[in-house]
Amino acid sequence: QVRLVESGGGLVQAGGSLRLSCSASGLTFQNYAMAWFRQAPGKERDFVAALSWSDSTRYANSVKGRFTISRDNAKNTVYLQMNSLKPEDTAAYYCAADLSIQAILRKEPDYWGQGTQVTVSS
């Protein structure tokens, strides 16, 4: 059974940093594209960042230059380093996985994590 488990969320002041982690199991991690999405109350789930199996990256314009997605295949873990956080970044952040990065970009990944809350105070 595939499991994606996020961790690292919390409360941080504007301008601060957090690193989110997503631990994957039940899949051949190195063959999967991984991604982060976020969803604020009353809003749709938005794409944040993606990392292909070959380490190609994609970022939403709203986070480009501030967030970095990376992976450690030895640990079956994908990370989202978030710097210069803004109150607008407040949301539940979800890890996602799919063999196809195109499916991720269509917001149709095969697997989702349960989410971790990030709250940025002003």
Protein backbone atom coordinates (compact mmCIF):
# COMPACT_ATOMS: atom_id res chain seq x y z
CA GLN A 1 0.00 0.00 0.00
CA VAL A 2 1.35 3.41 -0.98
CA ARG A 3 1.71 5.93 1.81
CA LEU A 4 2.85 9.53 1.71
CA VAL A 5 3.33 11.11 5.12
CA GLU A 6 4.05 14.82 5.46
CA SER A 7 5.71 16.48 8.44
CA GLY A 8 7.38 19.75 9.37
CA GLY A 9 4.46 22.15 9.30
CA GLY A 10 3.87 24.68 12.03
CA LEU A 11 3.55 28.33 12.95
CA VAL A 12 6.18 30.77 11.75
CA GLN A 13 6.47 34.54 11.52
CA ALA A 14 6.55 36.29 8.16
CA GLY A 15 10.07 36.21 6.76
CA GLY A 16 10.88 32.95 8.49
CA SER A 17 11.58 29.50 7.11
CA LEU A 18 10.24 25.97 7.36
CA ARG A 19 11.24 22.68 5.79
CA LEU A 20 8.50 20.21 5.00
CA SER A 21 9.23 16.51 4.56
CA CYS A 22 7.26 13.80 2.79
CA SER A 23 8.19 10.21 3.51
CA ALA A 24 7.06 7.72 0.85
CA SER A 25 6.57 3.98 1.14
CA GLY A 26 5.01 1.25 -0.97
CA LEU A 27 6.44 2.54 -4.24
CA THR A 28 9.73 2.60 -6.11
CA PHE A 29 10.50 6.11 -5.02
CA GLN A 30 13.23 6.94 -7.53
CA ASN A 31 10.85 6.22 -10.45
CA TYR A 32 8.23 8.75 -9.32
CA ALA A 33 7.75 12.42 -9.86
CA MET A 34 6.97 14.13 -6.57
CA ALA A 35 5.15 17.35 -5.87
CA TRP A 36 3.74 19.72 -3.29
CA PHE A 37 0.31 21.33 -3.41
CA ARG A 38 -1.39 23.65 -0.96
CA GLN A 39 -4.95 24.54 -0.08
CA ALA A 40 -6.20 27.44 2.01
CA PRO A 41 -9.69 27.45 3.54
CA GLY A 42 -12.35 28.22 0.95
CA LYS A 43 -9.90 27.96 -1.95
CA GLU A 44 -8.99 25.28 -4.46
CA ARG A 45 -5.90 23.14 -4.12
CA ASP A 46 -3.02 24.83 -5.94
CA PHE A 47 0.19 23.50 -7.40
CA VAL A 48 3.35 24.61 -5.58
CA ALA A 49 6.34 22.63 -6.85
CA ALA A 50 7.25 19.40 -8.61
CA LEU A 51 10.37 17.29 -9.05
CA SER A 52 10.65 14.62 -11.72
CA TRP A 53 12.46 11.30 -11.37
CA SER A 54 15.28 12.91 -13.38
CA ASP A 55 15.36 15.95 -11.03
CA SER A 56 13.72 18.44 -13.38
CA THR A 57 11.87 21.05 -11.31
CA ARG A 58 8.76 23.17 -11.75
CA TYR A 59 7.51 25.91 -9.46
CA ALA A 60 4.43 28.05 -9.17
CA ASN A 61 5.26 31.67 -9.91
CA SER A 62 4.11 32.66 -6.43
CA VAL A 63 6.88 30.64 -4.76
CA LYS A 64 9.68 30.76 -7.33
CA GLY A 65 12.87 32.03 -5.75
CA ARG A 66 11.63 31.36 -2.21
CA PHE A 67 10.83 27.63 -2.16
CA THR A 68 13.05 24.72 -3.18
CA ILE A 69 11.92 21.14 -3.78
CA SER A 70 14.46 18.34 -3.43
CA ARG A 71 14.58 14.61 -2.85
CA ASP A 72 16.73 12.06 -1.08
CA ASN A 73 16.21 8.73 -2.83
CA ALA A 74 18.16 6.86 -0.15
CA LYS A 75 15.59 8.02 2.41
CA ASN A 76 12.51 7.86 0.14
CA THR A 77 11.83 11.45 1.11
CA VAL A 78 10.98 14.65 -0.72
CA TYR A 79 11.47 18.05 0.89
CA LEU A 80 10.11 21.54 0.46
CA GLN A 81 12.39 24.23 1.83
CA MET A 82 10.33 27.38 2.31
CA ASN A 83 12.15 30.67 2.89
CA SER A 84 10.94 34.26 3.16
CA LEU A 85 7.50 33.04 4.12
CA LYS A 86 4.52 35.31 3.67
CA PRO A 87 1.06 35.24 5.26
CA GLU A 88 -0.28 34.31 1.81
CA ASP A 89 1.63 31.02 2.13
CA THR A 90 -0.67 29.92 4.95
CA ALA A 91 -2.34 26.67 3.87
CA ALA A 92 -2.46 22.94 4.31
CA TYR A 93 0.42 21.51 2.29
CA TYR A 94 0.01 18.15 0.55
CA CYS A 95 2.59 15.80 -0.87
CA ALA A 96 1.75 14.02 -4.13
CA ALA A 97 3.32 11.32 -6.32
CA ASP A 98 2.85 10.03 -9.85
CA LEU A 99 4.93 8.25 -12.46
CA SER A 100 4.04 11.09 -14.83
CA ILE A 101 4.89 14.67 -14.04
CA GLN A 102 2.27 15.63 -16.62
CA ALA A 103 -0.41 14.03 -14.46
CA ILE A 104 0.84 16.08 -11.53
CA LEU A 105 0.67 19.27 -13.54
CA ARG A 106 -2.93 18.36 -14.44
CA LYS A 107 -3.58 18.08 -10.68
CA GLU A 108 -4.30 14.38 -11.10
CA PRO A 109 -1.52 12.60 -9.20
CA ASP A 110 -2.05 8.95 -8.35
CA TYR A 111 -1.23 9.43 -4.67
CA TRP A 112 -1.78 12.10 -2.02
CA GLY A 113 -0.51 12.57 1.48
CA GLN A 114 -2.71 13.65 4.37
CA GLY A 115 -1.40 17.21 4.57
CA THR A 116 0.49 19.31 7.07
CA GLN A 117 -0.57 22.78 8.18
CA VAL A 118 1.65 25.82 7.63
CA THR A 119 0.59 29.07 9.27
CA VAL A 120 2.52 32.29 8.67
CA SER A 121 1.77 35.18 10.99
CA SER A 122 2.18 38.82 9.99
